[in-house]
Amino acid sequence: MTLTLYTAHVLFINSPLDVFSATAGYLFQVVAVLVFAVAWRMAVGRGPLEQLAADAARNARRAVRGHAASPTDRSTP
C-alpha cells in the first residue's frame, strides 16, 4: 500500500483540507493511514494503485509476449 498511501499523503497536503498545524496534521495523517491501511488490507488485500500498476505490468508483459516472433517465424535477411 506504499504507493497508494504516499499518493494520498501528497494529495492531502496539497489540498484545502490540510488546515491542521504541523503536529496535529502529522498525527491526523498517521491515524488515518493506519486505520485505512489495516481496513483495506483485511477487506481487499493489495492497495488500489498497487493493483493498477500490477495490472498494467501484466498487460504489457502479455502484449510483448504476444508480439514476440517464434524462432521458426523469423526470416533471415
PDB file of N, CA and C in Angstrom:
ATOM      1  N   MET A   1       0.816  -1.199   0.000  1.00  0.00           N
ATOM      2  CA  MET A   1       0.000   0.000   0.000  1.00  0.00           C
ATOM      3  C   MET A   1       0.861   1.266   0.000  1.00  0.00           C
ATOM      4  N   THR A   2       2.142   1.103  -0.137  1.00  0.00           N
ATOM      5  CA  THR A   2       3.030   2.260  -0.059  1.00  0.00           C
ATOM      6  C   THR A   2       2.707   3.314  -1.109  1.00  0.00           C
ATOM      7  N   LEU A   3       2.535   2.911  -2.358  1.00  0.00           N
ATOM      8  CA  LEU A   3       2.241   3.866  -3.425  1.00  0.00           C
ATOM      9  C   LEU A   3       0.914   4.573  -3.176  1.00  0.00           C
ATOM     10  N   THR A   4      -0.102   3.845  -2.790  1.00  0.00           N
ATOM     11  CA  THR A   4      -1.415   4.420  -2.519  1.00  0.00           C
ATOM     12  C   THR A   4      -1.348   5.413  -1.371  1.00  0.00           C
ATOM     13  N   LEU A   5      -0.702   5.032  -0.294  1.00  0.00           N
ATOM     14  CA  LEU A   5      -0.644   5.908   0.881  1.00  0.00           C
ATOM     15  C   LEU A   5       0.214   7.150   0.627  1.00  0.00           C
ATOM     16  N   TYR A   6       1.314   6.993  -0.068  1.00  0.00           N
ATOM     17  CA  TYR A   6       2.145   8.151  -0.388  1.00  0.00           C
ATOM     18  C   TYR A   6       1.391   9.110  -1.300  1.00  0.00           C
ATOM     19  N   THR A   7       0.681   8.592  -2.279  1.00  0.00           N
ATOM     20  CA  THR A   7      -0.098   9.435  -3.178  1.00  0.00           C
ATOM     21  C   THR A   7      -1.191  10.171  -2.414  1.00  0.00           C
ATOM     22  N   ALA A   8      -1.867   9.483  -1.513  1.00  0.00           N
ATOM     23  CA  ALA A   8      -2.898  10.126  -0.689  1.00  0.00           C
ATOM     24  C   ALA A   8      -2.291  11.231   0.169  1.00  0.00           C
ATOM     25  N   HIS A   9      -1.123  10.985   0.718  1.00  0.00           N
ATOM     26  CA  HIS A   9      -0.433  11.987   1.538  1.00  0.00           C
ATOM     27  C   HIS A   9      -0.129  13.246   0.721  1.00  0.00           C
ATOM     28  N   VAL A  10       0.441  13.068  -0.463  1.00  0.00           N
ATOM     29  CA  VAL A  10       0.788  14.213  -1.319  1.00  0.00           C
ATOM     30  C   VAL A  10      -0.472  14.981  -1.711  1.00  0.00           C
ATOM     31  N   LEU A  11      -1.521  14.262  -2.072  1.00  0.00           N
ATOM     32  CA  LEU A  11      -2.773  14.928  -2.436  1.00  0.00           C
ATOM     33  C   LEU A  11      -3.355  15.694  -1.245  1.00  0.00           C
ATOM     34  N   PHE A  12      -3.295  15.096  -0.068  1.00  0.00           N
ATOM     35  CA  PHE A  12      -3.847  15.746   1.124  1.00  0.00           C
ATOM     36  C   PHE A  12      -3.088  17.019   1.483  1.00  0.00           C
ATOM     37  N   ILE A  13      -1.758  16.960   1.502  1.00  0.00           N
ATOM     38  CA  ILE A  13      -1.002  18.145   1.929  1.00  0.00           C
ATOM     39  C   ILE A  13      -1.072  19.275   0.905  1.00  0.00           C
ATOM     40  N   ASN A  14      -1.517  18.959  -0.310  1.00  0.00           N
ATOM     41  CA  ASN A  14      -1.667  19.993  -1.333  1.00  0.00           C
ATOM     42  C   ASN A  14      -3.127  20.344  -1.576  1.00  0.00           C
ATOM     43  N   SER A  15      -3.995  19.981  -0.654  1.00  0.00           N
ATOM     44  CA  SER A  15      -5.420  20.253  -0.815  1.00  0.00           C
ATOM     45  C   SER A  15      -5.881  21.279   0.223  1.00  0.00           C
ATOM     46  N   PRO A  16      -7.045  21.854   0.010  1.00  0.00           N
ATOM     47  CA  PRO A  16      -7.594  22.785   1.005  1.00  0.00           C
ATOM     48  C   PRO A  16      -8.047  22.075   2.279  1.00  0.00           C
ATOM     49  N   LEU A  17      -8.031  20.756   2.308  1.00  0.00           N
ATOM     50  CA  LEU A  17      -8.411  20.017   3.514  1.00  0.00           C
ATOM     51  C   LEU A  17      -7.327  20.044   4.584  1.00  0.00           C
ATOM     52  N   ASP A  18      -6.118  20.384   4.194  1.00  0.00           N
ATOM     53  CA  ASP A  18      -4.993  20.420   5.137  1.00  0.00           C
ATOM     54  C   ASP A  18      -5.004  21.754   5.873  1.00  0.00           C
ATOM     55  N   VAL A  19      -5.808  21.831   6.914  1.00  0.00           N
ATOM     56  CA  VAL A  19      -5.944  23.064   7.698  1.00  0.00           C
ATOM     57  C   VAL A  19      -5.371  22.886   9.101  1.00  0.00           C
ATOM     58  N   PHE A  20      -4.621  21.806   9.303  1.00  0.00           N
ATOM     59  CA  PHE A  20      -4.099  21.471  10.621  1.00  0.00           C
ATOM     60  C   PHE A  20      -2.728  22.102  10.847  1.00  0.00           C
ATOM     61  N   SER A  21      -2.360  22.257  12.116  1.00  0.00           N
ATOM     62  CA  SER A  21      -0.988  22.656  12.438  1.00  0.00           C
ATOM     63  C   SER A  21      -0.081  21.473  12.117  1.00  0.00           C
ATOM     64  N   ALA A  22       1.221  21.682  12.168  1.00  0.00           N
ATOM     65  CA  ALA A  22       2.166  20.632  11.781  1.00  0.00           C
ATOM     66  C   ALA A  22       1.982  19.364  12.611  1.00  0.00           C
ATOM     67  N   THR A  23       1.938  19.495  13.926  1.00  0.00           N
ATOM     68  CA  THR A  23       1.815  18.322  14.797  1.00  0.00           C
ATOM     69  C   THR A  23       0.455  17.662  14.652  1.00  0.00           C
ATOM     70  N   ALA A  24      -0.594  18.450  14.659  1.00  0.00           N
ATOM     71  CA  ALA A  24      -1.947  17.893  14.533  1.00  0.00           C
ATOM     72  C   ALA A  24      -2.128  17.236  13.161  1.00  0.00           C
ATOM     73  N   GLY A  25      -1.596  17.851  12.122  1.00  0.00           N
ATOM     74  CA  GLY A  25      -1.685  17.273  10.788  1.00  0.00           C
ATOM     75  C   GLY A  25      -0.949  15.958  10.692  1.00  0.00           C
ATOM     76  N   TYR A  26       0.229  15.910  11.299  1.00  0.00           N
ATOM     77  CA  TYR A  26       1.013  14.673  11.305  1.00  0.00           C
ATOM     78  C   TYR A  26       0.250  13.558  12.014  1.00  0.00           C
ATOM     79  N   LEU A  27      -0.262  13.861  13.213  1.00  0.00           N
ATOM     80  CA  LEU A  27      -0.992  12.849  13.974  1.00  0.00           C
ATOM     81  C   LEU A  27      -2.258  12.407  13.249  1.00  0.00           C
ATOM     82  N   PHE A  28      -2.973  13.345  12.654  1.00  0.00           N
ATOM     83  CA  PHE A  28      -4.178  13.009  11.898  1.00  0.00           C
ATOM     84  C   PHE A  28      -3.840  12.065  10.752  1.00  0.00           C
ATOM     85  N   GLN A  29      -2.792  12.370  10.016  1.00  0.00           N
ATOM     86  CA  GLN A  29      -2.417  11.534   8.875  1.00  0.00           C
ATOM     87  C   GLN A  29      -1.957  10.150   9.312  1.00  0.00           C
ATOM     88  N   VAL A  30      -1.203  10.071  10.387  1.00  0.00           N
ATOM     89  CA  VAL A  30      -0.735   8.772  10.870  1.00  0.00           C
ATOM     90  C   VAL A  30      -1.916   7.898  11.262  1.00  0.00           C
ATOM     91  N   VAL A  31      -2.848   8.460  12.023  1.00  0.00           N
ATOM     92  CA  VAL A  31      -4.019   7.688  12.451  1.00  0.00           C
ATOM     93  C   VAL A  31      -4.869   7.299  11.236  1.00  0.00           C
ATOM     94  N   ALA A  32      -5.111   8.242  10.334  1.00  0.00           N
ATOM     95  CA  ALA A  32      -5.933   7.965   9.157  1.00  0.00           C
ATOM     96  C   ALA A  32      -5.302   6.886   8.284  1.00  0.00           C
ATOM     97  N   VAL A  33      -3.995   6.960   8.084  1.00  0.00           N
ATOM     98  CA  VAL A  33      -3.298   5.972   7.262  1.00  0.00           C
ATOM     99  C   VAL A  33      -3.349   4.591   7.907  1.00  0.00           C
ATOM    100  N   LEU A  34      -3.124   4.522   9.192  1.00  0.00           N
ATOM    101  CA  LEU A  34      -3.154   3.226   9.872  1.00  0.00           C
ATOM    102  C   LEU A  34      -4.539   2.592   9.796  1.00  0.00           C
ATOM    103  N   VAL A  35      -5.567   3.371  10.077  1.00  0.00           N
ATOM    104  CA  VAL A  35      -6.932   2.840  10.036  1.00  0.00           C
ATOM    105  C   VAL A  35      -7.287   2.397   8.615  1.00  0.00           C
ATOM    106  N   PHE A  36      -7.020   3.252   7.635  1.00  0.00           N
ATOM    107  CA  PHE A  36      -7.343   2.929   6.249  1.00  0.00           C
ATOM    108  C   PHE A  36      -6.572   1.705   5.772  1.00  0.00           C
ATOM    109  N   ALA A  37      -5.265   1.690   6.023  1.00  0.00           N
ATOM    110  CA  ALA A  37      -4.421   0.605   5.513  1.00  0.00           C
ATOM    111  C   ALA A  37      -4.806  -0.741   6.116  1.00  0.00           C
ATOM    112  N   VAL A  38      -5.048  -0.777   7.403  1.00  0.00           N
ATOM    113  CA  VAL A  38      -5.412  -2.044   8.046  1.00  0.00           C
ATOM    114  C   VAL A  38      -6.774  -2.517   7.543  1.00  0.00           C
ATOM    115  N   ALA A  39      -7.736  -1.617   7.468  1.00  0.00           N
ATOM    116  CA  ALA A  39      -9.075  -1.989   6.997  1.00  0.00           C
ATOM    117  C   ALA A  39      -9.029  -2.460   5.544  1.00  0.00           C
ATOM    118  N   TRP A  40      -8.298  -1.736   4.701  1.00  0.00           N
ATOM    119  CA  TRP A  40      -8.218  -2.114   3.285  1.00  0.00           C
ATOM    120  C   TRP A  40      -7.535  -3.467   3.126  1.00  0.00           C
ATOM    121  N   ARG A  41      -6.449  -3.655   3.847  1.00  0.00           N
ATOM    122  CA  ARG A  41      -5.690  -4.902   3.757  1.00  0.00           C
ATOM    123  C   ARG A  41      -6.543  -6.102   4.167  1.00  0.00           C
ATOM    124  N   MET A  42      -7.322  -5.927   5.227  1.00  0.00           N
ATOM    125  CA  MET A  42      -8.172  -7.013   5.708  1.00  0.00           C
ATOM    126  C   MET A  42      -9.326  -7.288   4.739  1.00  0.00           C
ATOM    127  N   ALA A  43      -9.857  -6.240   4.118  1.00  0.00           N
ATOM    128  CA  ALA A  43     -11.027  -6.402   3.258  1.00  0.00           C
ATOM    129  C   ALA A  43     -10.665  -6.768   1.821  1.00  0.00           C
ATOM    130  N   VAL A  44      -9.616  -6.158   1.296  1.00  0.00           N
ATOM    131  CA  VAL A  44      -9.325  -6.295  -0.130  1.00  0.00           C
ATOM    132  C   VAL A  44      -7.976  -6.961  -0.389  1.00  0.00           C
ATOM    133  N   GLY A  45      -6.955  -6.528   0.293  1.00  0.00           N
ATOM    134  CA  GLY A  45      -5.609  -7.047   0.049  1.00  0.00           C
ATOM    135  C   GLY A  45      -4.706  -5.967  -0.488  1.00  0.00           C
ATOM    136  N   ARG A  46      -4.313  -6.101  -1.730  1.00  0.00           N
ATOM    137  CA  ARG A  46      -3.396  -5.160  -2.374  1.00  0.00           C
ATOM    138  C   ARG A  46      -4.042  -3.784  -2.502  1.00  0.00           C
ATOM    139  N   GLY A  47      -3.224  -2.741  -2.356  1.00  0.00           N
ATOM    140  CA  GLY A  47      -3.719  -1.373  -2.494  1.00  0.00           C
ATOM    141  C   GLY A  47      -4.218  -1.082  -3.894  1.00  0.00           C
ATOM    142  N   PRO A  48      -5.102  -0.091  -4.050  1.00  0.00           N
ATOM    143  CA  PRO A  48      -5.677   0.176  -5.367  1.00  0.00           C
ATOM    144  C   PRO A  48      -4.654   0.621  -6.413  1.00  0.00           C
ATOM    145  N   LEU A  49      -3.724   1.474  -6.051  1.00  0.00           N
ATOM    146  CA  LEU A  49      -2.712   1.894  -7.028  1.00  0.00           C
ATOM    147  C   LEU A  49      -1.709   0.777  -7.296  1.00  0.00           C
ATOM    148  N   GLU A  50      -1.436  -0.019  -6.289  1.00  0.00           N
ATOM    149  CA  GLU A  50      -0.555  -1.171  -6.491  1.00  0.00           C
ATOM    150  C   GLU A  50      -1.208  -2.178  -7.446  1.00  0.00           C
ATOM    151  N   GLN A  51      -2.518  -2.377  -7.308  1.00  0.00           N
ATOM    152  CA  GLN A  51      -3.237  -3.279  -8.204  1.00  0.00           C
ATOM    153  C   GLN A  51      -3.244  -2.737  -9.627  1.00  0.00           C
ATOM    154  N   LEU A  52      -3.435  -1.425  -9.753  1.00  0.00           N
ATOM    155  CA  LEU A  52      -3.411  -0.794 -11.070  1.00  0.00           C
ATOM    156  C   LEU A  52      -2.052  -0.970 -11.741  1.00  0.00           C
ATOM    157  N   ALA A  53      -0.983  -0.777 -10.987  1.00  0.00           N
ATOM    158  CA  ALA A  53       0.365  -0.948 -11.534  1.00  0.00           C
ATOM    159  C   ALA A  53       0.628  -2.411 -11.905  1.00  0.00           C
ATOM    160  N   ALA A  54       0.168  -3.341 -11.075  1.00  0.00           N
ATOM    161  CA  ALA A  54       0.348  -4.769 -11.370  1.00  0.00           C
ATOM    162  C   ALA A  54      -0.424  -5.160 -12.623  1.00  0.00           C
ATOM    163  N   ASP A  55      -1.644  -4.641 -12.771  1.00  0.00           N
ATOM    164  CA  ASP A  55      -2.439  -4.938 -13.968  1.00  0.00           C
ATOM    165  C   ASP A  55      -1.776  -4.378 -15.226  1.00  0.00           C
ATOM    166  N   ALA A  56      -1.249  -3.160 -15.135  1.00  0.00           N
ATOM    167  CA  ALA A  56      -0.576  -2.555 -16.285  1.00  0.00           C
ATOM    168  C   ALA A  56       0.669  -3.364 -16.673  1.00  0.00           C
ATOM    169  N   ALA A  57       1.423  -3.806 -15.682  1.00  0.00           N
ATOM    170  CA  ALA A  57       2.619  -4.606 -15.959  1.00  0.00           C
ATOM    171  C   ALA A  57       2.244  -5.948 -16.580  1.00  0.00           C
ATOM    172  N   ARG A  58       1.191  -6.583 -16.073  1.00  0.00           N
ATOM    173  CA  ARG A  58       0.747  -7.864 -16.623  1.00  0.00           C
ATOM    174  C   ARG A  58       0.274  -7.701 -18.069  1.00  0.00           C
ATOM    175  N   ASN A  59      -0.478  -6.631 -18.336  1.00  0.00           N
ATOM    176  CA  ASN A  59      -0.942  -6.392 -19.702  1.00  0.00           C
ATOM    177  C   ASN A  59       0.212  -6.097 -20.650  1.00  0.00           C
ATOM    178  N   ALA A  60       1.201  -5.353 -20.179  1.00  0.00           N
ATOM    179  CA  ALA A  60       2.375  -5.067 -21.007  1.00  0.00           C
ATOM    180  C   ALA A  60       3.152  -6.345 -21.290  1.00  0.00           C
ATOM    181  N   ARG A  61       3.295  -7.186 -20.282  1.00  0.00           N
ATOM    182  CA  ARG A  61       4.005  -8.455 -20.465  1.00  0.00           C
ATOM    183  C   ARG A  61       3.283  -9.332 -21.484  1.00  0.00           C
ATOM    184  N   ARG A  62       1.970  -9.410 -21.377  1.00  0.00           N
ATOM    185  CA  ARG A  62       1.186 -10.200 -22.333  1.00  0.00           C
ATOM    186  C   ARG A  62       1.311  -9.639 -23.745  1.00  0.00           C
ATOM    187  N   ALA A  63       1.302  -8.313 -23.868  1.00  0.00           N
ATOM    188  CA  ALA A  63       1.414  -7.688 -25.187  1.00  0.00           C
ATOM    189  C   ALA A  63       2.771  -7.985 -25.811  1.00  0.00           C
ATOM    190  N   VAL A  64       3.814  -7.924 -25.015  1.00  0.00           N
ATOM    191  CA  VAL A  64       5.160  -8.201 -25.536  1.00  0.00           C
ATOM    192  C   VAL A  64       5.283  -9.667 -25.914  1.00  0.00           C
ATOM    193  N   ARG A  65       4.788 -10.548 -25.072  1.00  0.00           N
ATOM    194  CA  ARG A  65       4.860 -11.987 -25.380  1.00  0.00           C
ATOM    195  C   ARG A  65       4.014 -12.329 -26.597  1.00  0.00           C
ATOM    196  N   GLY A  66       2.893 -11.664 -26.766  1.00  0.00           N
ATOM    197  CA  GLY A  66       2.022 -11.934 -27.891  1.00  0.00           C
ATOM    198  C   GLY A  66       2.614 -11.486 -29.208  1.00  0.00           C
ATOM    199  N   HIS A  67       3.439 -10.452 -29.188  1.00  0.00           N
ATOM    200  CA  HIS A  67       4.042  -9.921 -30.412  1.00  0.00           C
ATOM    201  C   HIS A  67       5.423 -10.480 -30.688  1.00  0.00           C
ATOM    202  N   ALA A  68       5.970 -11.229 -29.765  1.00  0.00           N
ATOM    203  CA  ALA A  68       7.301 -11.798 -29.971  1.00  0.00           C
ATOM    204  C   ALA A  68       7.206 -12.912 -31.017  1.00  0.00           C
ATOM    205  N   ALA A  69       8.097 -12.869 -31.960  1.00  0.00           N
ATOM    206  CA  ALA A  69       8.114 -13.883 -33.013  1.00  0.00           C
ATOM    207  C   ALA A  69       8.751 -15.150 -32.483  1.00  0.00           C
ATOM    208  N   SER A  70       8.196 -16.261 -32.869  1.00  0.00           N
ATOM    209  CA  SER A  70       8.801 -17.530 -32.500  1.00  0.00           C
ATOM    210  C   SER A  70      10.030 -17.770 -33.383  1.00  0.00           C
ATOM    211  N   PRO A  71      10.952 -18.607 -32.961  1.00  0.00           N
ATOM    212  CA  PRO A  71      12.180 -18.838 -33.735  1.00  0.00           C
ATOM    213  C   PRO A  71      11.905 -19.346 -35.152  1.00  0.00           C
ATOM    214  N   THR A  72      10.813 -20.059 -35.359  1.00  0.00           N
ATOM    215  CA  THR A  72      10.520 -20.596 -36.713  1.00  0.00           C
ATOM    216  C   THR A  72       9.893 -19.540 -37.601  1.00  0.00           C
ATOM    217  N   ASP A  73       9.368 -18.448 -37.035  1.00  0.00           N
ATOM    218  CA  ASP A  73       8.735 -17.398 -37.827  1.00  0.00           C
ATOM    219  C   ASP A  73       9.720 -16.345 -38.336  1.00  0.00           C
ATOM    220  N   ARG A  74      10.920 -16.358 -37.850  1.00  0.00           N
ATOM    221  CA  ARG A  74      11.879 -15.325 -38.220  1.00  0.00           C
ATOM    222  C   ARG A  74      12.414 -15.580 -39.625  1.00  0.00           C
ATOM    223  N   SER A  75      12.480 -14.520 -40.382  1.00  0.00           N
ATOM    224  CA  SER A  75      13.086 -14.653 -41.703  1.00  0.00           C
ATOM    225  C   SER A  75      14.500 -14.114 -41.642  1.00  0.00           C
ATOM    226  N   THR A  76      15.406 -14.747 -42.332  1.00  0.00           N
ATOM    227  CA  THR A  76      16.788 -14.285 -42.335  1.00  0.00           C
ATOM    228  C   THR A  76      16.973 -13.241 -43.423  1.00  0.00           C
ATOM    229  N   PRO A  77      17.664 -12.158 -43.116  1.00  0.00           N
ATOM    230  CA  PRO A  77      17.858 -11.108 -44.100  1.00  0.00           C
ATOM    231  C   PRO A  77      18.843 -11.483 -45.185  1.00  0.00           C
TER     232      PRO A  77
END
